[in-house]
């Protein structure tokens, strides 16, 4: 049985830096990261993916889309 965890983090650094730090740790190289942003700006998705996110959502969050992404990434 695969163990899944949901990690919610509000770091003392910006999200891009937090994702890069998470990815530096070999224990978390396969941890699914779904970036969530309040201000959807052009290029945000690409910046998040480059920083280490597997996927991206902007607010307001559509519950079904969020749950769908969780199902996709937690199965991998």
PDB file of N, CA and C in Angstrom:
ATOM      1  N   UNK A   1       0.842  -1.178   0.000  1.00  0.00           N
ATOM      2  CA  UNK A   1       0.000   0.000   0.000  1.00  0.00           C
ATOM      3  C   UNK A   1       0.888   1.242   0.000  1.00  0.00           C
ATOM      4  N   UNK A   2       0.596   2.155  -0.899  1.00  0.00           N
ATOM      5  CA  UNK A   2       1.365   3.384  -0.992  1.00  0.00           C
ATOM      6  C   UNK A   2       0.868   4.387   0.044  1.00  0.00           C
ATOM      7  N   UNK A   3       1.777   4.999   0.740  1.00  0.00           N
ATOM      8  CA  UNK A   3       1.428   6.008   1.733  1.00  0.00           C
ATOM      9  C   UNK A   3       1.424   7.376   1.071  1.00  0.00           C
ATOM     10  N   UNK A   4       0.359   8.120   1.262  1.00  0.00           N
ATOM     11  CA  UNK A   4       0.240   9.457   0.695  1.00  0.00           C
ATOM     12  C   UNK A   4       0.113  10.469   1.815  1.00  0.00           C
ATOM     13  N   UNK A   5       0.686  11.624   1.593  1.00  0.00           N
ATOM     14  CA  UNK A   5       0.588  12.707   2.563  1.00  0.00           C
ATOM     15  C   UNK A   5       0.222  13.982   1.829  1.00  0.00           C
ATOM     16  N   UNK A   6      -0.539  14.796   2.502  1.00  0.00           N
ATOM     17  CA  UNK A   6      -0.843  16.119   1.988  1.00  0.00           C
ATOM     18  C   UNK A   6      -0.111  17.103   2.885  1.00  0.00           C
ATOM     19  N   UNK A   7       0.743  17.905   2.282  1.00  0.00           N
ATOM     20  CA  UNK A   7       1.525  18.867   3.051  1.00  0.00           C
ATOM     21  C   UNK A   7       1.060  20.269   2.683  1.00  0.00           C
ATOM     22  N   UNK A   8       0.673  21.032   3.679  1.00  0.00           N
ATOM     23  CA  UNK A   8       0.293  22.422   3.483  1.00  0.00           C
ATOM     24  C   UNK A   8       1.379  23.258   4.130  1.00  0.00           C
ATOM     25  N   UNK A   9       1.921  24.204   3.391  1.00  0.00           N
ATOM     26  CA  UNK A   9       3.064  24.940   3.903  1.00  0.00           C
ATOM     27  C   UNK A   9       2.911  26.429   3.630  1.00  0.00           C
ATOM     28  N   UNK A  10       3.121  27.237   4.638  1.00  0.00           N
ATOM     29  CA  UNK A  10       3.165  28.683   4.466  1.00  0.00           C
ATOM     30  C   UNK A  10       4.514  29.134   4.999  1.00  0.00           C
ATOM     31  N   UNK A  11       5.516  29.072   4.164  1.00  0.00           N
ATOM     32  CA  UNK A  11       6.892  29.313   4.618  1.00  0.00           C
ATOM     33  C   UNK A  11       7.216  30.792   4.843  1.00  0.00           C
ATOM     34  N   UNK A  12       8.362  31.011   5.442  1.00  0.00           N
ATOM     35  CA  UNK A  12       8.876  32.362   5.639  1.00  0.00           C
ATOM     36  C   UNK A  12       9.651  32.833   4.404  1.00  0.00           C
ATOM     37  N   UNK A  13       9.457  32.132   3.309  1.00  0.00           N
ATOM     38  CA  UNK A  13      10.089  32.486   2.036  1.00  0.00           C
ATOM     39  C   UNK A  13       9.001  32.431   0.975  1.00  0.00           C
ATOM     40  N   UNK A  14       9.286  32.936  -0.207  1.00  0.00           N
ATOM     41  CA  UNK A  14       8.243  32.862  -1.225  1.00  0.00           C
ATOM     42  C   UNK A  14       8.093  31.425  -1.724  1.00  0.00           C
ATOM     43  N   UNK A  15       7.004  31.174  -2.387  1.00  0.00           N
ATOM     44  CA  UNK A  15       6.681  29.821  -2.836  1.00  0.00           C
ATOM     45  C   UNK A  15       7.701  29.234  -3.791  1.00  0.00           C
ATOM     46  N   UNK A  16       8.263  30.052  -4.659  1.00  0.00           N
ATOM     47  CA  UNK A  16       9.259  29.554  -5.605  1.00  0.00           C
ATOM     48  C   UNK A  16      10.484  29.039  -4.852  1.00  0.00           C
ATOM     49  N   UNK A  17      10.945  29.818  -3.885  1.00  0.00           N
ATOM     50  CA  UNK A  17      12.098  29.415  -3.092  1.00  0.00           C
ATOM     51  C   UNK A  17      11.783  28.173  -2.271  1.00  0.00           C
ATOM     52  N   UNK A  18      10.578  28.120  -1.711  1.00  0.00           N
ATOM     53  CA  UNK A  18      10.179  26.952  -0.918  1.00  0.00           C
ATOM     54  C   UNK A  18      10.189  25.683  -1.770  1.00  0.00           C
ATOM     55  N   UNK A  19       9.669  25.760  -2.980  1.00  0.00           N
ATOM     56  CA  UNK A  19       9.662  24.575  -3.863  1.00  0.00           C
ATOM     57  C   UNK A  19      11.078  24.153  -4.233  1.00  0.00           C
ATOM     58  N   UNK A  20      11.932  25.123  -4.517  1.00  0.00           N
ATOM     59  CA  UNK A  20      13.320  24.781  -4.850  1.00  0.00           C
ATOM     60  C   UNK A  20      14.011  24.100  -3.668  1.00  0.00           C
ATOM     61  N   UNK A  21      13.765  24.591  -2.454  1.00  0.00           N
ATOM     62  CA  UNK A  21      14.362  23.983  -1.260  1.00  0.00           C
ATOM     63  C   UNK A  21      13.834  22.565  -1.038  1.00  0.00           C
ATOM     64  N   UNK A  22      12.536  22.380  -1.228  1.00  0.00           N
ATOM     65  CA  UNK A  22      11.953  21.042  -1.082  1.00  0.00           C
ATOM     66  C   UNK A  22      12.611  20.079  -2.069  1.00  0.00           C
ATOM     67  N   UNK A  23      12.769  20.501  -3.295  1.00  0.00           N
ATOM     68  CA  UNK A  23      13.336  19.623  -4.333  1.00  0.00           C
ATOM     69  C   UNK A  23      14.825  19.318  -4.106  1.00  0.00           C
ATOM     70  N   UNK A  24      15.517  20.136  -3.348  1.00  0.00           N
ATOM     71  CA  UNK A  24      16.929  19.866  -3.039  1.00  0.00           C
ATOM     72  C   UNK A  24      17.094  18.638  -2.142  1.00  0.00           C
ATOM     73  N   UNK A  25      16.087  18.349  -1.348  1.00  0.00           N
ATOM     74  CA  UNK A  25      16.126  17.224  -0.407  1.00  0.00           C
ATOM     75  C   UNK A  25      15.762  15.946  -1.158  1.00  0.00           C
ATOM     76  N   UNK A  26      16.667  14.998  -1.201  1.00  0.00           N
ATOM     77  CA  UNK A  26      16.459  13.767  -1.971  1.00  0.00           C
ATOM     78  C   UNK A  26      15.239  12.975  -1.517  1.00  0.00           C
ATOM     79  N   UNK A  27      14.795  13.179  -0.288  1.00  0.00           N
ATOM     80  CA  UNK A  27      13.601  12.467   0.187  1.00  0.00           C
ATOM     81  C   UNK A  27      12.333  12.950  -0.506  1.00  0.00           C
ATOM     82  N   UNK A  28      12.388  14.151  -1.089  1.00  0.00           N
ATOM     83  CA  UNK A  28      11.186  14.754  -1.649  1.00  0.00           C
ATOM     84  C   UNK A  28      11.232  14.963  -3.161  1.00  0.00           C
ATOM     85  N   UNK A  29      12.127  14.289  -3.825  1.00  0.00           N
ATOM     86  CA  UNK A  29      12.231  14.492  -5.272  1.00  0.00           C
ATOM     87  C   UNK A  29      10.978  14.029  -6.012  1.00  0.00           C
ATOM     88  N   UNK A  30      10.256  13.076  -5.448  1.00  0.00           N
ATOM     89  CA  UNK A  30       9.039  12.590  -6.114  1.00  0.00           C
ATOM     90  C   UNK A  30       7.764  13.076  -5.426  1.00  0.00           C
ATOM     91  N   UNK A  31       7.891  13.924  -4.402  1.00  0.00           N
ATOM     92  CA  UNK A  31       6.722  14.469  -3.721  1.00  0.00           C
ATOM     93  C   UNK A  31       5.934  15.351  -4.687  1.00  0.00           C
ATOM     94  N   UNK A  32       4.656  15.061  -4.905  1.00  0.00           N
ATOM     95  CA  UNK A  32       3.866  15.926  -5.791  1.00  0.00           C
ATOM     96  C   UNK A  32       3.650  17.298  -5.150  1.00  0.00           C
ATOM     97  N   UNK A  33       3.948  18.344  -5.902  1.00  0.00           N
ATOM     98  CA  UNK A  33       3.716  19.709  -5.436  1.00  0.00           C
ATOM     99  C   UNK A  33       2.727  20.369  -6.392  1.00  0.00           C
ATOM    100  N   UNK A  34       1.617  20.831  -5.829  1.00  0.00           N
ATOM    101  CA  UNK A  34       0.640  21.591  -6.603  1.00  0.00           C
ATOM    102  C   UNK A  34       0.698  23.025  -6.090  1.00  0.00           C
ATOM    103  N   UNK A  35       1.188  23.906  -6.926  1.00  0.00           N
ATOM    104  CA  UNK A  35       1.318  25.320  -6.541  1.00  0.00           C
ATOM    105  C   UNK A  35      -0.044  26.004  -6.619  1.00  0.00           C
ATOM    106  N   UNK A  36      -0.312  26.846  -5.650  1.00  0.00           N
ATOM    107  CA  UNK A  36      -1.562  27.592  -5.590  1.00  0.00           C
ATOM    108  C   UNK A  36      -1.225  29.065  -5.440  1.00  0.00           C
ATOM    109  N   UNK A  37      -1.780  29.891  -6.304  1.00  0.00           N
ATOM    110  CA  UNK A  37      -1.479  31.314  -6.246  1.00  0.00           C
ATOM    111  C   UNK A  37      -2.749  32.153  -6.205  1.00  0.00           C
ATOM    112  N   UNK A  38      -2.665  33.250  -5.506  1.00  0.00           N
ATOM    113  CA  UNK A  38      -3.811  34.160  -5.402  1.00  0.00           C
ATOM    114  C   UNK A  38      -3.883  35.105  -6.594  1.00  0.00           C
ATOM    115  N   UNK A  39      -2.739  35.467  -7.120  1.00  0.00           N
ATOM    116  CA  UNK A  39      -2.692  36.410  -8.237  1.00  0.00           C
ATOM    117  C   UNK A  39      -2.225  35.667  -9.485  1.00  0.00           C
ATOM    118  N   UNK A  40      -3.141  35.333 -10.345  1.00  0.00           N
ATOM    119  CA  UNK A  40      -2.785  34.626 -11.574  1.00  0.00           C
ATOM    120  C   UNK A  40      -2.225  35.617 -12.586  1.00  0.00           C
ATOM    121  N   UNK A  41      -0.933  35.586 -12.741  1.00  0.00           N
ATOM    122  CA  UNK A  41      -0.265  36.475 -13.683  1.00  0.00           C
ATOM    123  C   UNK A  41       0.282  35.638 -14.834  1.00  0.00           C
ATOM    124  N   UNK A  42       0.418  36.254 -15.975  1.00  0.00           N
ATOM    125  CA  UNK A  42       0.973  35.570 -17.128  1.00  0.00           C
ATOM    126  C   UNK A  42       2.372  35.057 -16.777  1.00  0.00           C
ATOM    127  N   UNK A  43       2.632  33.801 -17.058  1.00  0.00           N
ATOM    128  CA  UNK A  43       3.940  33.213 -16.793  1.00  0.00           C
ATOM    129  C   UNK A  43       4.062  32.541 -15.437  1.00  0.00           C
ATOM    130  N   UNK A  44       3.045  32.688 -14.564  1.00  0.00           N
ATOM    131  CA  UNK A  44       3.115  32.073 -13.234  1.00  0.00           C
ATOM    132  C   UNK A  44       3.229  30.557 -13.296  1.00  0.00           C
ATOM    133  N   UNK A  45       2.428  29.943 -14.159  1.00  0.00           N
ATOM    134  CA  UNK A  45       2.461  28.477 -14.250  1.00  0.00           C
ATOM    135  C   UNK A  45       3.860  28.002 -14.614  1.00  0.00           C
ATOM    136  N   UNK A  46       4.455  28.618 -15.603  1.00  0.00           N
ATOM    137  CA  UNK A  46       5.793  28.227 -16.045  1.00  0.00           C
ATOM    138  C   UNK A  46       6.822  28.433 -14.932  1.00  0.00           C
ATOM    139  N   UNK A  47       6.712  29.543 -14.208  1.00  0.00           N
ATOM    140  CA  UNK A  47       7.636  29.800 -13.097  1.00  0.00           C
ATOM    141  C   UNK A  47       7.500  28.727 -12.020  1.00  0.00           C
ATOM    142  N   UNK A  48       6.271  28.342 -11.734  1.00  0.00           N
ATOM    143  CA  UNK A  48       6.031  27.315 -10.710  1.00  0.00           C
ATOM    144  C   UNK A  48       6.612  25.970 -11.133  1.00  0.00           C
ATOM    145  N   UNK A  49       6.385  25.594 -12.373  1.00  0.00           N
ATOM    146  CA  UNK A  49       6.913  24.320 -12.878  1.00  0.00           C
ATOM    147  C   UNK A  49       8.438  24.345 -12.848  1.00  0.00           C
ATOM    148  N   UNK A  50       9.041  25.441 -13.261  1.00  0.00           N
ATOM    149  CA  UNK A  50      10.500  25.560 -13.243  1.00  0.00           C
ATOM    150  C   UNK A  50      11.050  25.497 -11.825  1.00  0.00           C
ATOM    151  N   UNK A  51      10.288  25.974 -10.857  1.00  0.00           N
ATOM    152  CA  UNK A  51      10.736  25.973  -9.462  1.00  0.00           C
ATOM    153  C   UNK A  51      10.566  24.609  -8.800  1.00  0.00           C
ATOM    154  N   UNK A  52       9.834  23.700  -9.458  1.00  0.00           N
ATOM    155  CA  UNK A  52       9.700  22.353  -8.907  1.00  0.00           C
ATOM    156  C   UNK A  52       8.292  21.834  -8.731  1.00  0.00           C
ATOM    157  N   UNK A  53       7.296  22.638  -9.063  1.00  0.00           N
ATOM    158  CA  UNK A  53       5.910  22.176  -8.933  1.00  0.00           C
ATOM    159  C   UNK A  53       5.589  21.168 -10.034  1.00  0.00           C
ATOM    160  N   UNK A  54       4.701  20.254  -9.709  1.00  0.00           N
ATOM    161  CA  UNK A  54       4.215  19.309 -10.710  1.00  0.00           C
ATOM    162  C   UNK A  54       3.009  19.871 -11.452  1.00  0.00           C
ATOM    163  N   UNK A  55       2.267  20.731 -10.762  1.00  0.00           N
ATOM    164  CA  UNK A  55       1.063  21.303 -11.357  1.00  0.00           C
ATOM    165  C   UNK A  55       0.779  22.633 -10.696  1.00  0.00           C
ATOM    166  N   UNK A  56      -0.263  23.309 -11.164  1.00  0.00           N
ATOM    167  CA  UNK A  56      -0.521  24.694 -10.767  1.00  0.00           C
ATOM    168  C   UNK A  56      -2.021  24.973 -10.769  1.00  0.00           C
ATOM    169  N   UNK A  57      -2.472  25.706  -9.776  1.00  0.00           N
ATOM    170  CA  UNK A  57      -3.858  26.188  -9.713  1.00  0.00           C
ATOM    171  C   UNK A  57      -3.843  27.651  -9.294  1.00  0.00           C
ATOM    172  N   UNK A  58      -4.806  28.410  -9.797  1.00  0.00           N
ATOM    173  CA  UNK A  58      -4.952  29.792  -9.327  1.00  0.00           C
ATOM    174  C   UNK A  58      -6.284  29.922  -8.599  1.00  0.00           C
ATOM    175  N   UNK A  59      -6.332  30.897  -7.698  1.00  0.00           N
ATOM    176  CA  UNK A  59      -7.566  31.157  -6.964  1.00  0.00           C
ATOM    177  C   UNK A  59      -8.506  31.983  -7.831  1.00  0.00           C
ATOM    178  N   UNK A  60      -9.798  31.863  -7.664  1.00  0.00           N
ATOM    179  CA  UNK A  60     -10.452  30.992  -6.699  1.00  0.00           C
ATOM    180  C   UNK A  60     -10.360  29.535  -7.145  1.00  0.00           C
ATOM    181  N   UNK A  61     -10.112  28.668  -6.205  1.00  0.00           N
ATOM    182  CA  UNK A  61      -9.933  27.244  -6.505  1.00  0.00           C
ATOM    183  C   UNK A  61     -11.281  26.611  -6.816  1.00  0.00           C
ATOM    184  N   UNK A  62     -11.307  25.881  -7.911  1.00  0.00           N
ATOM    185  CA  UNK A  62     -12.483  25.085  -8.252  1.00  0.00           C
ATOM    186  C   UNK A  62     -12.285  23.723  -7.588  1.00  0.00           C
ATOM    187  N   UNK A  63     -13.143  23.405  -6.650  1.00  0.00           N
ATOM    188  CA  UNK A  63     -12.984  22.214  -5.821  1.00  0.00           C
ATOM    189  C   UNK A  63     -12.801  20.949  -6.659  1.00  0.00           C
ATOM    190  N   UNK A  64     -13.619  20.759  -7.663  1.00  0.00           N
ATOM    191  CA  UNK A  64     -13.523  19.539  -8.477  1.00  0.00           C
ATOM    192  C   UNK A  64     -12.186  19.455  -9.214  1.00  0.00           C
ATOM    193  N   UNK A  65     -11.702  20.580  -9.700  1.00  0.00           N
ATOM    194  CA  UNK A  65     -10.407  20.594 -10.385  1.00  0.00           C
ATOM    195  C   UNK A  65      -9.291  20.256  -9.400  1.00  0.00           C
ATOM    196  N   UNK A  66      -9.349  20.838  -8.200  1.00  0.00           N
ATOM    197  CA  UNK A  66      -8.347  20.560  -7.179  1.00  0.00           C
ATOM    198  C   UNK A  66      -8.357  19.078  -6.795  1.00  0.00           C
ATOM    199  N   UNK A  67      -9.532  18.527  -6.552  1.00  0.00           N
ATOM    200  CA  UNK A  67      -9.634  17.108  -6.194  1.00  0.00           C
ATOM    201  C   UNK A  67      -9.148  16.208  -7.326  1.00  0.00           C
ATOM    202  N   UNK A  68      -9.425  16.604  -8.547  1.00  0.00           N
ATOM    203  CA  UNK A  68      -8.958  15.843  -9.703  1.00  0.00           C
ATOM    204  C   UNK A  68      -7.428  15.832  -9.770  1.00  0.00           C
ATOM    205  N   UNK A  69      -6.813  17.003  -9.540  1.00  0.00           N
ATOM    206  CA  UNK A  69      -5.344  17.063  -9.527  1.00  0.00           C
ATOM    207  C   UNK A  69      -4.759  16.207  -8.402  1.00  0.00           C
ATOM    208  N   UNK A  70      -5.392  16.240  -7.247  1.00  0.00           N
ATOM    209  CA  UNK A  70      -4.914  15.402  -6.134  1.00  0.00           C
ATOM    210  C   UNK A  70      -4.974  13.926  -6.517  1.00  0.00           C
ATOM    211  N   UNK A  71      -6.077  13.509  -7.124  1.00  0.00           N
ATOM    212  CA  UNK A  71      -6.191  12.100  -7.529  1.00  0.00           C
ATOM    213  C   UNK A  71      -5.105  11.731  -8.536  1.00  0.00           C
ATOM    214  N   UNK A  72      -4.855  12.600  -9.485  1.00  0.00           N
ATOM    215  CA  UNK A  72      -3.836  12.333 -10.506  1.00  0.00           C
ATOM    216  C   UNK A  72      -2.464  12.191  -9.868  1.00  0.00           C
ATOM    217  N   UNK A  73      -2.070  13.163  -9.059  1.00  0.00           N
ATOM    218  CA  UNK A  73      -0.695  13.176  -8.536  1.00  0.00           C
ATOM    219  C   UNK A  73      -0.470  12.208  -7.395  1.00  0.00           C
ATOM    220  N   UNK A  74      -1.497  11.875  -6.631  1.00  0.00           N
ATOM    221  CA  UNK A  74      -1.295  10.926  -5.528  1.00  0.00           C
ATOM    222  C   UNK A  74      -1.300   9.483  -6.017  1.00  0.00           C
ATOM    223  N   UNK A  75      -1.748   9.226  -7.226  1.00  0.00           N
ATOM    224  CA  UNK A  75      -1.702   7.879  -7.797  1.00  0.00           C
ATOM    225  C   UNK A  75      -0.339   7.563  -8.382  1.00  0.00           C
ATOM    226  N   UNK A  76       0.452   8.570  -8.678  1.00  0.00           N
ATOM    227  CA  UNK A  76       1.751   8.348  -9.329  1.00  0.00           C
ATOM    228  C   UNK A  76       2.791   7.905  -8.328  1.00  0.00           C
TER     229      UNK A  76
END
